[in-house]
Amino acid sequence: GGSAIAAINNIKARGAKDIKLVCLVGAPEGVKAFCEANPDIPLYIGAVDRCLNEKAYICPGLGDCGDRTFGTIK
């Protein structure tokens, strides 16, 4: 949710008006945060996993989606 919110804020700052967000996977906490921060933007999501853990990694085992996507796992 936090990464999506930051990305949308950046896009809005550049003047975009007709925005939609498409995600592969998320967690309920991120979906809630995104929808509260951007009630004007439709969200299309392929799957919602169970939760985030104490490190804000998606459970049951994806971990940090951005790390997986961009190969920045430490």
Protein backbone atom coordinates (compact mmCIF):
# COMPACT_ATOMS: atom_id res chain seq x y z
CA GLY A 1 0.00 0.00 0.00
CA GLY A 2 2.72 2.46 0.92
CA SER A 3 4.59 2.02 -2.35
CA ALA A 4 1.38 2.38 -4.34
CA ILE A 5 0.43 5.53 -2.42
CA ALA A 6 3.87 7.05 -3.06
CA ALA A 7 3.70 6.17 -6.76
CA ILE A 8 0.22 7.68 -7.15
CA ASN A 9 1.27 10.84 -5.30
CA ASN A 10 4.15 11.20 -7.76
CA ILE A 11 1.85 10.65 -10.75
CA LYS A 12 -0.70 13.16 -9.41
CA ALA A 13 2.06 15.72 -8.82
CA ARG A 14 2.89 15.49 -12.51
CA GLY A 15 -0.70 16.39 -13.42
CA ALA A 16 -2.30 13.02 -14.22
CA LYS A 17 -6.07 12.98 -13.78
CA ASP A 18 -7.53 9.67 -15.05
CA ILE A 19 -5.63 7.15 -12.90
CA LYS A 20 -6.34 3.47 -12.26
CA LEU A 21 -4.17 1.10 -10.21
CA VAL A 22 -3.65 -2.52 -11.28
CA CYS A 23 -1.82 -4.81 -8.83
CA LEU A 24 -0.90 -8.48 -8.90
CA VAL A 25 -0.99 -9.11 -5.16
CA GLY A 26 -1.57 -7.20 -1.95
CA ALA A 27 -2.56 -7.52 1.68
CA PRO A 28 -5.70 -6.22 3.40
CA GLU A 29 -3.72 -3.54 5.28
CA GLY A 30 -2.25 -2.15 2.07
CA VAL A 31 -5.55 -2.23 0.22
CA LYS A 32 -7.22 -0.35 3.08
CA ALA A 33 -4.44 2.25 3.27
CA PHE A 34 -4.47 2.80 -0.50
CA CYS A 35 -8.27 3.14 -0.69
CA GLU A 36 -8.34 5.58 2.24
CA ALA A 37 -5.57 7.70 0.70
CA ASN A 38 -7.03 7.60 -2.83
CA PRO A 39 -10.81 7.11 -2.75
CA ASP A 40 -10.99 8.59 -6.26
CA ILE A 41 -8.80 5.89 -7.86
CA PRO A 42 -10.18 2.47 -8.78
CA LEU A 43 -8.04 -0.46 -7.62
CA TYR A 44 -7.91 -3.73 -9.58
CA ILE A 45 -6.04 -6.49 -7.74
CA GLY A 46 -5.37 -10.09 -8.73
CA ALA A 47 -5.11 -11.56 -5.22
CA VAL A 48 -5.26 -10.41 -1.62
CA ASP A 49 -3.12 -12.51 0.74
CA ARG A 50 -3.79 -13.04 4.44
CA CYS A 51 -1.90 -10.18 6.13
CA LEU A 52 1.34 -8.27 6.65
CA ASN A 53 3.80 -9.42 9.29
CA GLU A 54 5.78 -7.24 11.73
CA LYS A 55 8.22 -6.30 8.91
CA ALA A 56 5.28 -5.36 6.63
CA TYR A 57 5.99 -8.38 4.42
CA ILE A 58 3.04 -10.03 2.69
CA CYS A 59 2.11 -13.36 4.34
CA PRO A 60 1.95 -16.29 3.89
CA GLY A 61 5.30 -16.04 2.17
CA LEU A 62 5.71 -13.55 -0.67
CA GLY A 63 7.77 -11.22 1.50
CA ASP A 64 8.35 -7.72 0.15
CA CYS A 65 6.75 -7.58 -3.28
CA GLY A 66 8.98 -4.70 -4.43
CA ASP A 67 12.11 -6.64 -3.44
CA ARG A 68 10.90 -9.66 -5.38
CA THR A 69 9.98 -7.58 -8.41
CA PHE A 70 13.18 -5.56 -8.59
CA GLY A 71 15.65 -8.11 -7.19
CA THR A 72 16.59 -6.03 -4.16
CA ILE A 73 16.22 -8.81 -1.58
CA LYS A 74 18.94 -8.56 1.07
